[in-house]
Amino acid sequence: MWCVTTVLFPGASVLDGSSTLTLQADSLQHLGRLFEQYLLSRTHQHGFLALPSHPADTTSLLQLQFLFDVLQKTVSLKLINPPGSRLQSVVKIFPFKSLKYLEVWEENVCASPL
């Protein structure tokens, strides 16, 4: 008798839309620069990008390709700009090809009344 079990990685709930991926805006900016520098320079496609199976020369590039693939399939995103953080440029959300829900939060430090 065979038993089939489904093993979900922690991000499965993000990919199926039952959880929201939360990122700091500056982290997404950094990822965007890495994607543009190392992945998107290889292709001029628009829309969902299917990257070649094994084009990577390094483990780091394979990890970057995995992150890019996960972001393309992410349904819900919450972007947070923490207090004191100053963004140097626009935040690009181009990797999110399946995005249906976007929350943008700018956390403010409020002084409590004495």
PDB file of N, CA and C in Angstrom:
ATOM      1  N   MET A   1       0.848  -1.173   0.000  1.00  0.00           N
ATOM      2  CA  MET A   1       0.000   0.000   0.000  1.00  0.00           C
ATOM      3  C   MET A   1       0.894   1.237   0.000  1.00  0.00           C
ATOM      4  N   TRP A   2       0.583   2.193  -0.875  1.00  0.00           N
ATOM      5  CA  TRP A   2       1.348   3.416  -0.999  1.00  0.00           C
ATOM      6  C   TRP A   2       0.632   4.547  -0.277  1.00  0.00           C
ATOM      7  N   CYS A   3       1.402   5.362   0.362  1.00  0.00           N
ATOM      8  CA  CYS A   3       0.855   6.540   1.036  1.00  0.00           C
ATOM      9  C   CYS A   3       1.465   7.775   0.385  1.00  0.00           C
ATOM     10  N   VAL A   4       0.638   8.650  -0.113  1.00  0.00           N
ATOM     11  CA  VAL A   4       1.115   9.869  -0.754  1.00  0.00           C
ATOM     12  C   VAL A   4       0.933  11.011   0.233  1.00  0.00           C
ATOM     13  N   THR A   5       2.017  11.713   0.487  1.00  0.00           N
ATOM     14  CA  THR A   5       1.938  12.883   1.359  1.00  0.00           C
ATOM     15  C   THR A   5       2.411  14.098   0.588  1.00  0.00           C
ATOM     16  N   THR A   6       1.875  15.219   0.926  1.00  0.00           N
ATOM     17  CA  THR A   6       2.287  16.469   0.305  1.00  0.00           C
ATOM     18  C   THR A   6       3.185  17.204   1.285  1.00  0.00           C
ATOM     19  N   VAL A   7       4.367  17.522   0.817  1.00  0.00           N
ATOM     20  CA  VAL A   7       5.296  18.278   1.645  1.00  0.00           C
ATOM     21  C   VAL A   7       5.344  19.698   1.100  1.00  0.00           C
ATOM     22  N   LEU A   8       5.016  20.650   1.937  1.00  0.00           N
ATOM     23  CA  LEU A   8       5.006  22.041   1.517  1.00  0.00           C
ATOM     24  C   LEU A   8       6.210  22.769   2.091  1.00  0.00           C
ATOM     25  N   PHE A   9       6.875  23.545   1.262  1.00  0.00           N
ATOM     26  CA  PHE A   9       7.943  24.378   1.802  1.00  0.00           C
ATOM     27  C   PHE A   9       7.281  25.592   2.441  1.00  0.00           C
ATOM     28  N   PRO A  10       7.972  26.271   3.350  1.00  0.00           N
ATOM     29  CA  PRO A  10       7.340  27.361   4.101  1.00  0.00           C
ATOM     30  C   PRO A  10       6.698  28.432   3.231  1.00  0.00           C
ATOM     31  N   GLY A  11       7.192  28.638   2.021  1.00  0.00           N
ATOM     32  CA  GLY A  11       6.639  29.671   1.157  1.00  0.00           C
ATOM     33  C   GLY A  11       5.433  29.235   0.358  1.00  0.00           C
ATOM     34  N   ALA A  12       5.002  27.993   0.514  1.00  0.00           N
ATOM     35  CA  ALA A  12       3.865  27.496  -0.274  1.00  0.00           C
ATOM     36  C   ALA A  12       2.609  28.316  -0.025  1.00  0.00           C
ATOM     37  N   SER A  13       2.406  28.751   1.205  1.00  0.00           N
ATOM     38  CA  SER A  13       1.210  29.538   1.509  1.00  0.00           C
ATOM     39  C   SER A  13       1.271  30.920   0.849  1.00  0.00           C
ATOM     40  N   VAL A  14       2.473  31.416   0.603  1.00  0.00           N
ATOM     41  CA  VAL A  14       2.625  32.681  -0.123  1.00  0.00           C
ATOM     42  C   VAL A  14       2.274  32.459  -1.593  1.00  0.00           C
ATOM     43  N   LEU A  15       2.741  31.354  -2.135  1.00  0.00           N
ATOM     44  CA  LEU A  15       2.505  31.083  -3.559  1.00  0.00           C
ATOM     45  C   LEU A  15       1.040  30.776  -3.851  1.00  0.00           C
ATOM     46  N   ASP A  16       0.339  30.147  -2.905  1.00  0.00           N
ATOM     47  CA  ASP A  16      -1.071  29.844  -3.167  1.00  0.00           C
ATOM     48  C   ASP A  16      -1.999  30.995  -2.763  1.00  0.00           C
ATOM     49  N   GLY A  17      -1.422  32.081  -2.229  1.00  0.00           N
ATOM     50  CA  GLY A  17      -2.201  33.269  -1.907  1.00  0.00           C
ATOM     51  C   GLY A  17      -2.844  33.277  -0.538  1.00  0.00           C
ATOM     52  N   SER A  18      -2.620  32.229   0.263  1.00  0.00           N
ATOM     53  CA  SER A  18      -3.236  32.205   1.589  1.00  0.00           C
ATOM     54  C   SER A  18      -2.430  33.010   2.617  1.00  0.00           C
ATOM     55  N   SER A  19      -1.203  33.395   2.265  1.00  0.00           N
ATOM     56  CA  SER A  19      -0.377  34.265   3.114  1.00  0.00           C
ATOM     57  C   SER A  19       0.206  35.380   2.258  1.00  0.00           C
ATOM     58  N   THR A  20       0.589  36.451   2.918  1.00  0.00           N
ATOM     59  CA  THR A  20       1.159  37.611   2.242  1.00  0.00           C
ATOM     60  C   THR A  20       2.655  37.658   2.476  1.00  0.00           C
ATOM     61  N   LEU A  21       3.414  37.865   1.421  1.00  0.00           N
ATOM     62  CA  LEU A  21       4.858  38.061   1.536  1.00  0.00           C
ATOM     63  C   LEU A  21       5.094  39.494   1.993  1.00  0.00           C
ATOM     64  N   THR A  22       5.865  39.674   3.051  1.00  0.00           N
ATOM     65  CA  THR A  22       6.181  40.999   3.567  1.00  0.00           C
ATOM     66  C   THR A  22       7.659  41.273   3.357  1.00  0.00           C
ATOM     67  N   LEU A  23       7.962  42.379   2.698  1.00  0.00           N
ATOM     68  CA  LEU A  23       9.341  42.774   2.430  1.00  0.00           C
ATOM     69  C   LEU A  23       9.529  44.241   2.791  1.00  0.00           C
ATOM     70  N   GLN A  24      10.735  44.569   3.235  1.00  0.00           N
ATOM     71  CA  GLN A  24      11.074  45.972   3.396  1.00  0.00           C
ATOM     72  C   GLN A  24      11.380  46.530   2.013  1.00  0.00           C
ATOM     73  N   ALA A  25      10.981  47.773   1.779  1.00  0.00           N
ATOM     74  CA  ALA A  25      11.134  48.390   0.466  1.00  0.00           C
ATOM     75  C   ALA A  25      12.588  48.399   0.006  1.00  0.00           C
ATOM     76  N   ASP A  26      13.522  48.690   0.906  1.00  0.00           N
ATOM     77  CA  ASP A  26      14.926  48.732   0.501  1.00  0.00           C
ATOM     78  C   ASP A  26      15.453  47.345   0.129  1.00  0.00           C
ATOM     79  N   SER A  27      14.911  46.300   0.738  1.00  0.00           N
ATOM     80  CA  SER A  27      15.296  44.936   0.371  1.00  0.00           C
ATOM     81  C   SER A  27      14.816  44.605  -1.036  1.00  0.00           C
ATOM     82  N   LEU A  28      13.592  45.032  -1.361  1.00  0.00           N
ATOM     83  CA  LEU A  28      13.080  44.796  -2.708  1.00  0.00           C
ATOM     84  C   LEU A  28      13.878  45.591  -3.737  1.00  0.00           C
ATOM     85  N   GLN A  29      14.290  46.797  -3.384  1.00  0.00           N
ATOM     86  CA  GLN A  29      15.140  47.580  -4.285  1.00  0.00           C
ATOM     87  C   GLN A  29      16.439  46.833  -4.584  1.00  0.00           C
ATOM     88  N   HIS A  30      17.049  46.300  -3.544  1.00  0.00           N
ATOM     89  CA  HIS A  30      18.304  45.569  -3.700  1.00  0.00           C
ATOM     90  C   HIS A  30      18.106  44.328  -4.579  1.00  0.00           C
ATOM     91  N   LEU A  31      17.048  43.571  -4.307  1.00  0.00           N
ATOM     92  CA  LEU A  31      16.752  42.393  -5.131  1.00  0.00           C
ATOM     93  C   LEU A  31      16.518  42.791  -6.586  1.00  0.00           C
ATOM     94  N   GLY A  32      15.791  43.862  -6.805  1.00  0.00           N
ATOM     95  CA  GLY A  32      15.527  44.332  -8.165  1.00  0.00           C
ATOM     96  C   GLY A  32      16.804  44.642  -8.921  1.00  0.00           C
ATOM     97  N   ARG A  33      17.749  45.299  -8.228  1.00  0.00           N
ATOM     98  CA  ARG A  33      19.041  45.598  -8.871  1.00  0.00           C
ATOM     99  C   ARG A  33      19.786  44.313  -9.226  1.00  0.00           C
ATOM    100  N   LEU A  34      19.749  43.330  -8.314  1.00  0.00           N
ATOM    101  CA  LEU A  34      20.406  42.047  -8.594  1.00  0.00           C
ATOM    102  C   LEU A  34      19.749  41.334  -9.770  1.00  0.00           C
ATOM    103  N   PHE A  35      18.408  41.323  -9.800  1.00  0.00           N
ATOM    104  CA  PHE A  35      17.698  40.685 -10.907  1.00  0.00           C
ATOM    105  C   PHE A  35      18.070  41.342 -12.234  1.00  0.00           C
ATOM    106  N   GLU A  36      18.059  42.683 -12.248  1.00  0.00           N
ATOM    107  CA  GLU A  36      18.374  43.399 -13.485  1.00  0.00           C
ATOM    108  C   GLU A  36      19.815  43.146 -13.917  1.00  0.00           C
ATOM    109  N   GLN A  37      20.715  43.093 -12.968  1.00  0.00           N
ATOM    110  CA  GLN A  37      22.126  42.928 -13.290  1.00  0.00           C
ATOM    111  C   GLN A  37      22.463  41.513 -13.759  1.00  0.00           C
ATOM    112  N   TYR A  38      21.931  40.509 -13.079  1.00  0.00           N
ATOM    113  CA  TYR A  38      22.368  39.142 -13.347  1.00  0.00           C
ATOM    114  C   TYR A  38      21.400  38.281 -14.142  1.00  0.00           C
ATOM    115  N   LEU A  39      20.113  38.596 -14.119  1.00  0.00           N
ATOM    116  CA  LEU A  39      19.141  37.734 -14.787  1.00  0.00           C
ATOM    117  C   LEU A  39      18.521  38.383 -16.023  1.00  0.00           C
ATOM    118  N   LEU A  40      18.074  39.605 -15.890  1.00  0.00           N
ATOM    119  CA  LEU A  40      17.327  40.222 -16.977  1.00  0.00           C
ATOM    120  C   LEU A  40      18.210  40.701 -18.107  1.00  0.00           C
ATOM    121  N   SER A  41      19.502  40.836 -17.862  1.00  0.00           N
ATOM    122  CA  SER A  41      20.408  41.230 -18.932  1.00  0.00           C
ATOM    123  C   SER A  41      20.534  40.118 -19.972  1.00  0.00           C
ATOM    124  N   ARG A  42      20.125  38.912 -19.616  1.00  0.00           N
ATOM    125  CA  ARG A  42      20.231  37.766 -20.519  1.00  0.00           C
ATOM    126  C   ARG A  42      19.043  37.635 -21.452  1.00  0.00           C
ATOM    127  N   THR A  43      17.976  38.363 -21.189  1.00  0.00           N
ATOM    128  CA  THR A  43      16.763  38.207 -21.986  1.00  0.00           C
ATOM    129  C   THR A  43      16.066  39.546 -22.151  1.00  0.00           C
ATOM    130  N   HIS A  44      15.302  39.686 -23.209  1.00  0.00           N
ATOM    131  CA  HIS A  44      14.535  40.910 -23.441  1.00  0.00           C
ATOM    132  C   HIS A  44      13.043  40.609 -23.448  1.00  0.00           C
ATOM    133  N   GLN A  45      12.647  39.522 -22.785  1.00  0.00           N
ATOM    134  CA  GLN A  45      11.246  39.129 -22.728  1.00  0.00           C
ATOM    135  C   GLN A  45      10.476  40.032 -21.776  1.00  0.00           C
ATOM    136  N   HIS A  46       9.184  40.101 -22.022  1.00  0.00           N
ATOM    137  CA  HIS A  46       8.292  40.795 -21.101  1.00  0.00           C
ATOM    138  C   HIS A  46       7.274  39.780 -20.620  1.00  0.00           C
ATOM    139  N   GLY A  47       6.597  40.063 -19.530  1.00  0.00           N
ATOM    140  CA  GLY A  47       5.660  39.107 -18.969  1.00  0.00           C
ATOM    141  C   GLY A  47       6.399  38.099 -18.110  1.00  0.00           C
ATOM    142  N   PHE A  48       5.771  36.954 -17.908  1.00  0.00           N
ATOM    143  CA  PHE A  48       6.364  35.920 -17.057  1.00  0.00           C
ATOM    144  C   PHE A  48       7.633  35.393 -17.710  1.00  0.00           C
ATOM    145  N   LEU A  49       8.740  35.378 -16.989  1.00  0.00           N
ATOM    146  CA  LEU A  49      10.025  34.951 -17.539  1.00  0.00           C
ATOM    147  C   LEU A  49      10.353  33.546 -17.085  1.00  0.00           C
ATOM    148  N   ALA A  50      10.481  32.649 -18.026  1.00  0.00           N
ATOM    149  CA  ALA A  50      10.929  31.292 -17.728  1.00  0.00           C
ATOM    150  C   ALA A  50      12.432  31.276 -17.965  1.00  0.00           C
ATOM    151  N   LEU A  51      13.182  31.180 -16.884  1.00  0.00           N
ATOM    152  CA  LEU A  51      14.636  31.180 -17.005  1.00  0.00           C
ATOM    153  C   LEU A  51      15.120  29.806 -17.431  1.00  0.00           C
ATOM    154  N   PRO A  52      16.231  29.738 -18.160  1.00  0.00           N
ATOM    155  CA  PRO A  52      16.775  28.443 -18.559  1.00  0.00           C
ATOM    156  C   PRO A  52      17.039  27.568 -17.333  1.00  0.00           C
ATOM    157  N   SER A  53      16.996  26.258 -17.518  1.00  0.00           N
ATOM    158  CA  SER A  53      17.112  25.315 -16.408  1.00  0.00           C
ATOM    159  C   SER A  53      18.394  25.466 -15.612  1.00  0.00           C
ATOM    160  N   HIS A  54      19.520  25.493 -16.260  1.00  0.00           N
ATOM    161  CA  HIS A  54      20.793  25.537 -15.534  1.00  0.00           C
ATOM    162  C   HIS A  54      21.781  26.511 -16.164  1.00  0.00           C
ATOM    163  N   PRO A  55      21.420  27.799 -16.217  1.00  0.00           N
ATOM    164  CA  PRO A  55      22.372  28.739 -16.809  1.00  0.00           C
ATOM    165  C   PRO A  55      23.380  29.279 -15.803  1.00  0.00           C
ATOM    166  N   ALA A  56      23.198  28.919 -14.537  1.00  0.00           N
ATOM    167  CA  ALA A  56      23.972  29.548 -13.471  1.00  0.00           C
ATOM    168  C   ALA A  56      25.366  28.951 -13.341  1.00  0.00           C
ATOM    169  N   ASP A  57      26.302  29.831 -13.122  1.00  0.00           N
ATOM    170  CA  ASP A  57      27.685  29.408 -12.892  1.00  0.00           C
ATOM    171  C   ASP A  57      27.960  29.206 -11.413  1.00  0.00           C
ATOM    172  N   THR A  58      27.158  29.793 -10.566  1.00  0.00           N
ATOM    173  CA  THR A  58      27.418  29.746  -9.129  1.00  0.00           C
ATOM    174  C   THR A  58      26.145  29.408  -8.356  1.00  0.00           C
ATOM    175  N   THR A  59      26.339  28.987  -7.129  1.00  0.00           N
ATOM    176  CA  THR A  59      25.216  28.713  -6.234  1.00  0.00           C
ATOM    177  C   THR A  59      24.425  29.992  -5.984  1.00  0.00           C
ATOM    178  N   SER A  60      25.119  31.114  -5.863  1.00  0.00           N
ATOM    179  CA  SER A  60      24.445  32.399  -5.613  1.00  0.00           C
ATOM    180  C   SER A  60      23.484  32.735  -6.737  1.00  0.00           C
ATOM    181  N   LEU A  61      23.900  32.490  -7.961  1.00  0.00           N
ATOM    182  CA  LEU A  61      23.040  32.791  -9.101  1.00  0.00           C
ATOM    183  C   LEU A  61      21.842  31.853  -9.148  1.00  0.00           C
ATOM    184  N   LEU A  62      22.036  30.592  -8.794  1.00  0.00           N
ATOM    185  CA  LEU A  62      20.912  29.656  -8.711  1.00  0.00           C
ATOM    186  C   LEU A  62      19.911  30.110  -7.650  1.00  0.00           C
ATOM    187  N   GLN A  63      20.404  30.592  -6.506  1.00  0.00           N
ATOM    188  CA  GLN A  63      19.525  31.094  -5.446  1.00  0.00           C
ATOM    189  C   GLN A  63      18.766  32.337  -5.908  1.00  0.00           C
ATOM    190  N   LEU A  64      19.432  33.201  -6.657  1.00  0.00           N
ATOM    191  CA  LEU A  64      18.791  34.402  -7.185  1.00  0.00           C
ATOM    192  C   LEU A  64      17.697  34.023  -8.185  1.00  0.00           C
ATOM    193  N   GLN A  65      17.960  33.028  -9.017  1.00  0.00           N
ATOM    194  CA  GLN A  65      16.950  32.549  -9.964  1.00  0.00           C
ATOM    195  C   GLN A  65      15.743  31.967  -9.231  1.00  0.00           C
ATOM    196  N   PHE A  66      16.000  31.238  -8.144  1.00  0.00           N
ATOM    197  CA  PHE A  66      14.911  30.675  -7.352  1.00  0.00           C
ATOM    198  C   PHE A  66      14.050  31.797  -6.763  1.00  0.00           C
ATOM    199  N   LEU A  67      14.686  32.810  -6.176  1.00  0.00           N
ATOM    200  CA  LEU A  67      13.944  33.944  -5.605  1.00  0.00           C
ATOM    201  C   LEU A  67      13.116  34.658  -6.671  1.00  0.00           C
ATOM    202  N   PHE A  68      13.710  34.846  -7.838  1.00  0.00           N
ATOM    203  CA  PHE A  68      13.000  35.506  -8.930  1.00  0.00           C
ATOM    204  C   PHE A  68      11.757  34.706  -9.314  1.00  0.00           C
ATOM    205  N   ASP A  69      11.904  33.401  -9.395  1.00  0.00           N
ATOM    206  CA  ASP A  69      10.780  32.533  -9.738  1.00  0.00           C
ATOM    207  C   ASP A  69       9.682  32.613  -8.681  1.00  0.00           C
ATOM    208  N   VAL A  70      10.071  32.599  -7.405  1.00  0.00           N
ATOM    209  CA  VAL A  70       9.093  32.699  -6.314  1.00  0.00           C
ATOM    210  C   VAL A  70       8.357  34.034  -6.385  1.00  0.00           C
ATOM    211  N   LEU A  71       9.082  35.126  -6.608  1.00  0.00           N
ATOM    212  CA  LEU A  71       8.435  36.438  -6.669  1.00  0.00           C
ATOM    213  C   LEU A  71       7.482  36.530  -7.854  1.00  0.00           C
ATOM    214  N   GLN A  72       7.834  35.905  -8.979  1.00  0.00           N
ATOM    215  CA  GLN A  72       6.940  35.933 -10.140  1.00  0.00           C
ATOM    216  C   GLN A  72       5.604  35.262  -9.833  1.00  0.00           C
ATOM    217  N   LYS A  73       5.618  34.292  -8.922  1.00  0.00           N
ATOM    218  CA  LYS A  73       4.412  33.529  -8.607  1.00  0.00           C
ATOM    219  C   LYS A  73       3.683  34.038  -7.365  1.00  0.00           C
ATOM    220  N   THR A  74       4.244  35.038  -6.693  1.00  0.00           N
ATOM    221  CA  THR A  74       3.651  35.575  -5.463  1.00  0.00           C
ATOM    222  C   THR A  74       2.373  36.343  -5.775  1.00  0.00           C
ATOM    223  N   VAL A  75       1.325  36.069  -5.004  1.00  0.00           N
ATOM    224  CA  VAL A  75       0.004  36.647  -5.237  1.00  0.00           C
ATOM    225  C   VAL A  75      -0.224  37.918  -4.414  1.00  0.00           C
ATOM    226  N   SER A  76       0.302  37.948  -3.180  1.00  0.00           N
ATOM    227  CA  SER A  76       0.028  39.051  -2.260  1.00  0.00           C
ATOM    228  C   SER A  76       1.330  39.561  -1.650  1.00  0.00           C
ATOM    229  N   LEU A  77       1.522  40.883  -1.700  1.00  0.00           N
ATOM    230  CA  LEU A  77       2.758  41.498  -1.213  1.00  0.00           C
ATOM    231  C   LEU A  77       2.435  42.669  -0.298  1.00  0.00           C
ATOM    232  N   LYS A  78       3.152  42.726   0.835  1.00  0.00           N
ATOM    233  CA  LYS A  78       3.094  43.887   1.723  1.00  0.00           C
ATOM    234  C   LYS A  78       4.487  44.500   1.732  1.00  0.00           C
ATOM    235  N   LEU A  79       4.588  45.757   1.296  1.00  0.00           N
ATOM    236  CA  LEU A  79       5.854  46.489   1.296  1.00  0.00           C
ATOM    237  C   LEU A  79       5.870  47.429   2.489  1.00  0.00           C
ATOM    238  N   ILE A  80       6.950  47.385   3.236  1.00  0.00           N
ATOM    239  CA  ILE A  80       7.073  48.219   4.434  1.00  0.00           C
ATOM    240  C   ILE A  80       8.300  49.103   4.305  1.00  0.00           C
ATOM    241  N   ASN A  81       8.129  50.377   4.621  1.00  0.00           N
ATOM    242  CA  ASN A  81       9.249  51.303   4.692  1.00  0.00           C
ATOM    243  C   ASN A  81       9.418  51.664   6.169  1.00  0.00           C
ATOM    244  N   PRO A  82      10.425  51.076   6.832  1.00  0.00           N
ATOM    245  CA  PRO A  82      10.592  51.290   8.279  1.00  0.00           C
ATOM    246  C   PRO A  82      10.932  52.741   8.628  1.00  0.00           C
ATOM    247  N   PRO A  83      10.703  53.123   9.882  1.00  0.00           N
ATOM    248  CA  PRO A  83      11.032  54.480  10.337  1.00  0.00           C
ATOM    249  C   PRO A  83      12.514  54.764  10.133  1.00  0.00           C
ATOM    250  N   GLY A  84      12.799  55.959   9.679  1.00  0.00           N
ATOM    251  CA  GLY A  84      14.190  56.375   9.498  1.00  0.00           C
ATOM    252  C   GLY A  84      14.819  55.881   8.210  1.00  0.00           C
ATOM    253  N   SER A  85      14.109  55.057   7.471  1.00  0.00           N
ATOM    254  CA  SER A  85      14.638  54.535   6.214  1.00  0.00           C
ATOM    255  C   SER A  85      14.288  55.507   5.093  1.00  0.00           C
ATOM    256  N   ARG A  86      15.281  55.895   4.333  1.00  0.00           N
ATOM    257  CA  ARG A  86      15.061  56.837   3.237  1.00  0.00           C
ATOM    258  C   ARG A  86      15.406  56.136   1.938  1.00  0.00           C
ATOM    259  N   LEU A  87      14.413  55.988   1.076  1.00  0.00           N
ATOM    260  CA  LEU A  87      14.621  55.307  -0.194  1.00  0.00           C
ATOM    261  C   LEU A  87      15.363  56.223  -1.161  1.00  0.00           C
ATOM    262  N   GLN A  88      16.341  55.661  -1.850  1.00  0.00           N
ATOM    263  CA  GLN A  88      17.165  56.434  -2.775  1.00  0.00           C
ATOM    264  C   GLN A  88      16.591  56.466  -4.186  1.00  0.00           C
ATOM    265  N   SER A  89      15.663  55.580  -4.483  1.00  0.00           N
ATOM    266  CA  SER A  89      15.053  55.537  -5.814  1.00  0.00           C
ATOM    267  C   SER A  89      13.684  54.876  -5.709  1.00  0.00           C
ATOM    268  N   VAL A  90      13.001  54.772  -6.841  1.00  0.00           N
ATOM    269  CA  VAL A  90      11.681  54.141  -6.853  1.00  0.00           C
ATOM    270  C   VAL A  90      11.818  52.654  -6.533  1.00  0.00           C
ATOM    271  N   VAL A  91      10.746  52.089  -6.024  1.00  0.00           N
ATOM    272  CA  VAL A  91      10.706  50.658  -5.739  1.00  0.00           C
ATOM    273  C   VAL A  91      10.000  49.985  -6.915  1.00  0.00           C
ATOM    274  N   LYS A  92      10.724  49.129  -7.615  1.00  0.00           N
ATOM    275  CA  LYS A  92      10.168  48.445  -8.786  1.00  0.00           C
ATOM    276  C   LYS A  92       9.570  47.116  -8.361  1.00  0.00           C
ATOM    277  N   ILE A  93       8.377  46.844  -8.856  1.00  0.00           N
ATOM    278  CA  ILE A  93       7.724  45.575  -8.531  1.00  0.00           C
ATOM    279  C   ILE A  93       7.616  44.685  -9.771  1.00  0.00           C
ATOM    280  N   PHE A  94       8.497  44.885 -10.736  1.00  0.00           N
ATOM    281  CA  PHE A  94       8.439  44.126 -11.984  1.00  0.00           C
ATOM    282  C   PHE A  94       8.533  42.612 -11.814  1.00  0.00           C
ATOM    283  N   PRO A  95       9.200  42.080 -10.768  1.00  0.00           N
ATOM    284  CA  PRO A  95       9.262  40.616 -10.666  1.00  0.00           C
ATOM    285  C   PRO A  95       7.914  39.966 -10.344  1.00  0.00           C
ATOM    286  N   PHE A  96       6.948  40.729  -9.855  1.00  0.00           N
ATOM    287  CA  PHE A  96       5.691  40.164  -9.379  1.00  0.00           C
ATOM    288  C   PHE A  96       4.673  40.072 -10.517  1.00  0.00           C
ATOM    289  N   LYS A  97       4.763  39.025 -11.302  1.00  0.00           N
ATOM    290  CA  LYS A  97       3.901  38.848 -12.474  1.00  0.00           C
ATOM    291  C   LYS A  97       2.504  38.358 -12.103  1.00  0.00           C
ATOM    292  N   SER A  98       2.346  37.725 -10.938  1.00  0.00           N
ATOM    293  CA  SER A  98       1.057  37.152 -10.524  1.00  0.00           C
ATOM    294  C   SER A  98       0.386  37.956  -9.420  1.00  0.00           C
ATOM    295  N   LEU A  99       0.911  39.140  -9.129  1.00  0.00           N
ATOM    296  CA  LEU A  99       0.441  39.943  -7.999  1.00  0.00           C
ATOM    297  C   LEU A  99      -1.009  40.389  -8.170  1.00  0.00           C
ATOM    298  N   LYS A 100      -1.817  40.115  -7.145  1.00  0.00           N
ATOM    299  CA  LYS A 100      -3.210  40.549  -7.129  1.00  0.00           C
ATOM    300  C   LYS A 100      -3.477  41.536  -6.000  1.00  0.00           C
ATOM    301  N   TYR A 101      -2.697  41.444  -4.909  1.00  0.00           N
ATOM    302  CA  TYR A 101      -2.895  42.283  -3.732  1.00  0.00           C
ATOM    303  C   TYR A 101      -1.575  42.942  -3.340  1.00  0.00           C
ATOM    304  N   LEU A 102      -1.616  44.256  -3.197  1.00  0.00           N
ATOM    305  CA  LEU A 102      -0.430  45.007  -2.802  1.00  0.00           C
ATOM    306  C   LEU A 102      -0.792  45.945  -1.669  1.00  0.00           C
ATOM    307  N   GLU A 103      -0.062  45.831  -0.565  1.00  0.00           N
ATOM    308  CA  GLU A 103      -0.198  46.757   0.563  1.00  0.00           C
ATOM    309  C   GLU A 103       1.103  47.530   0.675  1.00  0.00           C
ATOM    310  N   VAL A 104       1.017  48.828   0.873  1.00  0.00           N
ATOM    311  CA  VAL A 104       2.204  49.658   1.048  1.00  0.00           C
ATOM    312  C   VAL A 104       2.070  50.353   2.395  1.00  0.00           C
ATOM    313  N   TRP A 105       3.067  50.126   3.245  1.00  0.00           N
ATOM    314  CA  TRP A 105       3.050  50.683   4.594  1.00  0.00           C
ATOM    315  C   TRP A 105       4.283  51.538   4.797  1.00  0.00           C
ATOM    316  N   GLU A 106       4.057  52.716   5.336  1.00  0.00           N
ATOM    317  CA  GLU A 106       5.178  53.522   5.796  1.00  0.00           C
ATOM    318  C   GLU A 106       4.984  53.658   7.290  1.00  0.00           C
ATOM    319  N   GLU A 107       5.840  53.002   8.032  1.00  0.00           N
ATOM    320  CA  GLU A 107       5.698  53.013   9.485  1.00  0.00           C
ATOM    321  C   GLU A 107       6.207  54.330  10.028  1.00  0.00           C
ATOM    322  N   ASN A 108       5.406  54.959  10.838  1.00  0.00           N
ATOM    323  CA  ASN A 108       5.773  56.225  11.449  1.00  0.00           C
ATOM    324  C   ASN A 108       5.980  56.035  12.936  1.00  0.00           C
ATOM    325  N   VAL A 109       6.915  56.784  13.448  1.00  0.00           N
ATOM    326  CA  VAL A 109       7.126  56.778  14.895  1.00  0.00           C
ATOM    327  C   VAL A 109       6.269  57.889  15.480  1.00  0.00           C
ATOM    328  N   CYS A 110       5.307  57.525  16.278  1.00  0.00           N
ATOM    329  CA  CYS A 110       4.385  58.507  16.872  1.00  0.00           C
ATOM    330  C   CYS A 110       4.797  58.776  18.308  1.00  0.00           C
ATOM    331  N   ALA A 111       4.812  60.019  18.665  1.00  0.00           N
ATOM    332  CA  ALA A 111       5.137  60.389  20.038  1.00  0.00           C
ATOM    333  C   ALA A 111       3.896  60.143  20.898  1.00  0.00           C
ATOM    334  N   SER A 112       4.100  59.492  22.034  1.00  0.00           N
ATOM    335  CA  SER A 112       2.965  59.261  22.915  1.00  0.00           C
ATOM    336  C   SER A 112       2.742  60.477  23.803  1.00  0.00           C
ATOM    337  N   PRO A 113       1.489  60.786  24.075  1.00  0.00           N
ATOM    338  CA  PRO A 113       1.205  61.948  24.938  1.00  0.00           C
ATOM    339  C   PRO A 113       1.695  61.682  26.372  1.00  0.00           C
ATOM    340  N   LEU A 114       2.160  62.708  27.014  1.00  0.00           N
ATOM    341  CA  LEU A 114       2.668  62.593  28.394  1.00  0.00           C
ATOM    342  C   LEU A 114       1.564  62.665  29.386  1.00  0.00           C
TER     343      LEU A 114
END
